[in-house]
Amino acid sequence: MPQPNMNQMLKQVQKMQADMMKAQEALANETIEASAGGGMVTVTITGDLAIQAIAIDPEAIDPEDPELLQDMVLAAVNEAIRQAQELAAKRMGGLTGGMDLGALGGLGL
């Protein structure tokens, strides 16, 4: 079997790494909005998982039932994170062709 061309492979990995960095930067500029409680709580998060805003409808604030508001905030945050991770997986998965690049971290790449 012929040996793989290491220079060619290194160039491909470096290009993939540069493309992934660009995609990560682009994700940081994208926002996702998720809500809970029929829109009573809305969370805005970036594609790189930085929460930008949490909006709470005043009608959601019931001093007799703070747990309900806590649950709605938690649900909205978790949904926003899920959607952001899904967006990141779509964008990054297209760059790697579905390859698991976890092993490359050990190579300093």
Protein backbone atom coordinates (compact mmCIF):
# COMPACT_ATOMS: atom_id res chain seq x y z
CA MET A 1 0.00 0.00 0.00
CA PRO A 2 1.35 3.45 -0.84
CA GLN A 3 2.13 5.80 2.04
CA PRO A 4 -0.25 8.73 2.41
CA ASN A 5 1.16 12.10 1.41
CA MET A 6 1.72 13.68 4.84
CA ASN A 7 2.20 17.18 3.43
CA GLN A 8 -1.10 16.96 1.59
CA MET A 9 -2.85 15.63 4.69
CA LEU A 10 -1.38 18.42 6.83
CA LYS A 11 -2.57 21.05 4.35
CA GLN A 12 -6.07 19.55 4.38
CA VAL A 13 -6.15 19.51 8.19
CA GLN A 14 -4.90 23.11 8.35
CA LYS A 15 -7.58 24.23 5.87
CA MET A 16 -10.25 22.38 7.84
CA GLN A 17 -9.01 24.01 11.04
CA ALA A 18 -9.16 27.49 9.45
CA ASP A 19 -12.65 26.80 8.10
CA MET A 20 -13.79 25.63 11.54
CA MET A 21 -12.42 28.77 13.18
CA LYS A 22 -14.35 30.90 10.68
CA ALA A 23 -17.50 28.90 11.36
CA GLN A 24 -17.04 29.33 15.13
CA GLU A 25 -16.64 33.08 14.68
CA ALA A 26 -19.79 33.16 12.56
CA LEU A 27 -21.69 31.21 15.24
CA ALA A 28 -20.73 33.86 17.79
CA ASN A 29 -22.60 36.40 15.66
CA GLU A 30 -25.77 34.35 15.25
CA THR A 31 -28.57 34.47 17.78
CA ILE A 32 -31.23 31.96 18.67
CA GLU A 33 -34.38 32.78 20.59
CA ALA A 34 -36.30 30.24 22.65
CA SER A 35 -39.28 30.69 24.91
CA ALA A 36 -41.30 28.85 27.52
CA GLY A 37 -44.65 29.29 29.18
CA GLY A 38 -46.31 30.36 25.95
CA GLY A 39 -43.81 33.18 25.49
CA MET A 40 -43.84 34.33 29.11
CA VAL A 41 -40.06 33.82 29.28
CA THR A 42 -37.80 34.35 26.26
CA VAL A 43 -34.07 33.68 26.12
CA THR A 44 -31.71 34.94 23.43
CA ILE A 45 -28.41 33.09 23.06
CA THR A 46 -25.59 33.21 20.55
CA GLY A 47 -24.44 30.25 18.52
CA ASP A 48 -21.41 29.97 20.78
CA LEU A 49 -23.65 29.61 23.86
CA ALA A 50 -23.42 33.11 25.34
CA ILE A 51 -26.76 34.19 26.78
CA GLN A 52 -27.55 37.66 25.47
CA ALA A 53 -30.92 38.35 27.06
CA ILE A 54 -33.67 36.93 29.22
CA ALA A 55 -37.07 38.60 28.93
CA ILE A 56 -39.79 37.88 31.47
CA ASP A 57 -43.37 38.98 30.93
CA PRO A 58 -44.56 40.80 34.09
CA GLU A 59 -47.60 38.51 34.15
CA ALA A 60 -45.24 35.56 34.73
CA ILE A 61 -44.19 36.99 38.09
CA ASP A 62 -46.40 35.45 40.75
CA PRO A 63 -45.05 36.03 44.27
CA GLU A 64 -47.14 33.05 45.41
CA ASP A 65 -45.48 30.68 42.94
CA PRO A 66 -41.81 31.59 42.26
CA GLU A 67 -41.09 27.97 41.31
CA LEU A 68 -43.22 28.31 38.17
CA LEU A 69 -41.14 31.26 36.97
CA GLN A 70 -37.93 29.40 37.82
CA ASP A 71 -39.13 26.40 35.81
CA MET A 72 -40.01 28.59 32.80
CA VAL A 73 -36.61 30.32 32.87
CA LEU A 74 -34.85 26.96 33.13
CA ALA A 75 -36.91 25.50 30.29
CA ALA A 76 -36.26 28.49 28.02
CA VAL A 77 -32.50 28.48 28.73
CA ASN A 78 -32.22 24.74 28.12
CA GLU A 79 -34.19 25.00 24.86
CA ALA A 80 -32.00 27.90 23.67
CA ILE A 81 -28.85 25.90 24.45
CA ARG A 82 -30.24 22.86 22.65
CA GLN A 83 -31.05 24.92 19.55
CA ALA A 84 -27.63 26.62 19.59
CA GLN A 85 -25.87 23.26 19.88
CA GLU A 86 -27.96 21.90 17.03
CA LEU A 87 -27.01 24.90 14.87
CA ALA A 88 -23.31 24.46 15.74
CA ALA A 89 -23.45 20.74 14.96
CA LYS A 90 -24.97 21.48 11.54
CA ARG A 91 -22.37 24.09 10.70
CA MET A 92 -19.37 22.19 12.04
CA GLY A 93 -20.52 18.78 10.82
CA GLY A 94 -20.53 20.07 7.26
CA LEU A 95 -16.90 21.10 7.58
CA THR A 96 -15.62 17.83 8.98
CA GLY A 97 -17.74 15.56 6.83
CA GLY A 98 -18.96 13.88 10.00
CA MET A 99 -15.44 12.86 11.07
CA ASP A 100 -14.67 12.66 14.76
CA LEU A 101 -11.71 14.98 15.18
CA GLY A 102 -11.29 14.40 18.89
CA ALA A 103 -8.01 12.59 18.27
CA LEU A 104 -6.55 15.64 16.53
CA GLY A 105 -6.60 17.57 19.80
CA GLY A 106 -3.78 15.36 20.99
CA LEU A 107 -1.74 16.44 17.98
CA GLY A 108 -1.89 20.09 18.98
CA LEU A 109 -4.22 20.93 16.08
